[in-house]
Amino acid sequence: MNYFLIYILIINVLSFCLYGLDKWKAIRGAWRISEMTLLLSALAGGAAGAFLGMHIFHHKTKHWKFRILVPLFLILEILGYLYLLL
């Protein structure tokens, strides 16, 4: 169980950083991180980090895919965690 918690922590920090990095690159007109990569990081267990990154960095908050999928992934992950704990 400890490895699972470490994985969840790492993937959420990574997801949060990806959203911040992509916002930084967007401001500077640099090469961007693909939307697929951002969404996959959320789907892989980093939905909380992605959600926080979206709102802290004000990034991808107007794109319907992100407004719907990231919260959906977060709800599914929370339900999955509860299922594993109970």
C-alpha atoms as a PDB file:
ATOM      1  CA  MET A   1       0.000   0.000   0.000  1.00  0.00           C
ATOM      2  CA  ASN A   2       2.896   2.369   0.653  1.00  0.00           C
ATOM      3  CA  TYR A   3       4.071   2.098  -2.969  1.00  0.00           C
ATOM      4  CA  PHE A   4       0.585   2.989  -4.145  1.00  0.00           C
ATOM      5  CA  LEU A   5       0.534   6.140  -2.005  1.00  0.00           C
ATOM      6  CA  ILE A   6       3.986   7.124  -3.247  1.00  0.00           C
ATOM      7  CA  TYR A   7       2.824   6.625  -6.842  1.00  0.00           C
ATOM      8  CA  ILE A   8      -0.272   8.764  -6.264  1.00  0.00           C
ATOM      9  CA  LEU A   9       1.811  11.533  -4.718  1.00  0.00           C
ATOM     10  CA  ILE A  10       4.374  11.483  -7.548  1.00  0.00           C
ATOM     11  CA  ILE A  11       1.815  11.399 -10.380  1.00  0.00           C
ATOM     12  CA  ASN A  12      -0.130  14.281  -8.839  1.00  0.00           C
ATOM     13  CA  VAL A  13       2.980  16.427  -8.398  1.00  0.00           C
ATOM     14  CA  LEU A  14       4.037  15.568 -11.959  1.00  0.00           C
ATOM     15  CA  SER A  15       0.600  16.418 -13.332  1.00  0.00           C
ATOM     16  CA  PHE A  16       0.536  19.731 -11.446  1.00  0.00           C
ATOM     17  CA  CYS A  17       3.996  20.601 -12.792  1.00  0.00           C
ATOM     18  CA  LEU A  18       2.997  19.686 -16.365  1.00  0.00           C
ATOM     19  CA  TYR A  19       0.108  22.154 -16.259  1.00  0.00           C
ATOM     20  CA  GLY A  20       2.360  24.859 -14.836  1.00  0.00           C
ATOM     21  CA  LEU A  21       5.077  24.181 -17.398  1.00  0.00           C
ATOM     22  CA  ASP A  22       2.609  24.217 -20.278  1.00  0.00           C
ATOM     23  CA  LYS A  23       1.195  27.547 -19.081  1.00  0.00           C
ATOM     24  CA  TRP A  24       4.713  28.957 -18.829  1.00  0.00           C
ATOM     25  CA  LYS A  25       5.460  27.772 -22.366  1.00  0.00           C
ATOM     26  CA  ALA A  26       2.158  29.190 -23.658  1.00  0.00           C
ATOM     27  CA  ILE A  27       3.002  32.627 -22.303  1.00  0.00           C
ATOM     28  CA  ARG A  28       6.416  32.548 -23.984  1.00  0.00           C
ATOM     29  CA  GLY A  29       5.224  31.084 -27.280  1.00  0.00           C
ATOM     30  CA  ALA A  30       7.433  28.017 -26.858  1.00  0.00           C
ATOM     31  CA  TRP A  31       6.836  24.394 -27.833  1.00  0.00           C
ATOM     32  CA  ARG A  32       3.842  23.094 -25.864  1.00  0.00           C
ATOM     33  CA  ILE A  33       2.902  19.931 -24.037  1.00  0.00           C
ATOM     34  CA  SER A  34       0.144  18.123 -25.927  1.00  0.00           C
ATOM     35  CA  GLU A  35      -3.388  18.101 -24.583  1.00  0.00           C
ATOM     36  CA  MET A  36      -3.302  14.299 -24.733  1.00  0.00           C
ATOM     37  CA  THR A  37      -0.290  14.225 -22.398  1.00  0.00           C
ATOM     38  CA  LEU A  38      -1.992  16.580 -19.954  1.00  0.00           C
ATOM     39  CA  LEU A  39      -5.191  14.509 -19.939  1.00  0.00           C
ATOM     40  CA  LEU A  40      -3.314  11.211 -19.678  1.00  0.00           C
ATOM     41  CA  SER A  41      -1.427  12.493 -16.641  1.00  0.00           C
ATOM     42  CA  ALA A  42      -4.802  13.162 -15.011  1.00  0.00           C
ATOM     43  CA  LEU A  43      -6.174   9.779 -16.062  1.00  0.00           C
ATOM     44  CA  ALA A  44      -3.086   7.965 -14.739  1.00  0.00           C
ATOM     45  CA  GLY A  45      -3.930   9.031 -11.197  1.00  0.00           C
ATOM     46  CA  GLY A  46      -2.957  12.688 -11.257  1.00  0.00           C
ATOM     47  CA  ALA A  47      -6.409  14.226 -11.498  1.00  0.00           C
ATOM     48  CA  ALA A  48      -6.067  16.141  -8.233  1.00  0.00           C
ATOM     49  CA  GLY A  49      -2.780  17.658  -9.379  1.00  0.00           C
ATOM     50  CA  ALA A  50      -4.265  18.439 -12.788  1.00  0.00           C
ATOM     51  CA  PHE A  51      -7.325  20.058 -11.219  1.00  0.00           C
ATOM     52  CA  LEU A  52      -5.185  22.191  -8.921  1.00  0.00           C
ATOM     53  CA  GLY A  53      -2.841  23.070 -11.781  1.00  0.00           C
ATOM     54  CA  MET A  54      -5.740  24.133 -13.982  1.00  0.00           C
ATOM     55  CA  HIS A  55      -7.062  26.505 -11.346  1.00  0.00           C
ATOM     56  CA  ILE A  56      -3.842  27.799  -9.814  1.00  0.00           C
ATOM     57  CA  PHE A  57      -2.216  28.494 -13.183  1.00  0.00           C
ATOM     58  CA  HIS A  58      -5.528  29.444 -14.884  1.00  0.00           C
ATOM     59  CA  HIS A  59      -4.677  27.032 -17.653  1.00  0.00           C
ATOM     60  CA  LYS A  60      -7.040  25.040 -19.892  1.00  0.00           C
ATOM     61  CA  THR A  61     -10.032  26.165 -17.823  1.00  0.00           C
ATOM     62  CA  LYS A  62     -11.996  27.264 -20.909  1.00  0.00           C
ATOM     63  CA  HIS A  63     -11.479  24.062 -22.893  1.00  0.00           C
ATOM     64  CA  TRP A  64     -14.513  21.794 -22.610  1.00  0.00           C
ATOM     65  CA  LYS A  65     -12.398  18.613 -22.633  1.00  0.00           C
ATOM     66  CA  PHE A  66     -10.534  19.744 -19.549  1.00  0.00           C
ATOM     67  CA  ARG A  67     -13.542  21.269 -17.765  1.00  0.00           C
ATOM     68  CA  ILE A  68     -15.398  17.952 -18.074  1.00  0.00           C
ATOM     69  CA  LEU A  69     -12.748  15.223 -18.102  1.00  0.00           C
ATOM     70  CA  VAL A  70     -10.414  16.337 -15.318  1.00  0.00           C
ATOM     71  CA  PRO A  71     -13.193  16.648 -12.689  1.00  0.00           C
ATOM     72  CA  LEU A  72     -14.673  13.365 -13.955  1.00  0.00           C
ATOM     73  CA  PHE A  73     -11.289  11.635 -13.562  1.00  0.00           C
ATOM     74  CA  LEU A  74     -10.985  13.138 -10.074  1.00  0.00           C
ATOM     75  CA  ILE A  75     -14.404  11.811  -9.020  1.00  0.00           C
ATOM     76  CA  LEU A  76     -13.603   8.369 -10.430  1.00  0.00           C
ATOM     77  CA  GLU A  77     -10.239   8.317  -8.658  1.00  0.00           C
ATOM     78  CA  ILE A  78     -11.798   9.308  -5.333  1.00  0.00           C
ATOM     79  CA  LEU A  79     -14.424   6.579  -5.733  1.00  0.00           C
ATOM     80  CA  GLY A  80     -11.665   4.099  -6.588  1.00  0.00           C
ATOM     81  CA  TYR A  81      -9.649   5.085  -3.512  1.00  0.00           C
ATOM     82  CA  LEU A  82     -12.735   4.701  -1.313  1.00  0.00           C
ATOM     83  CA  TYR A  83     -13.425   1.288  -2.822  1.00  0.00           C
ATOM     84  CA  LEU A  84      -9.864   0.175  -2.086  1.00  0.00           C
ATOM     85  CA  LEU A  85     -10.056   1.421   1.494  1.00  0.00           C
ATOM     86  CA  LEU A  86     -13.422  -0.126   2.312  1.00  0.00           C
END
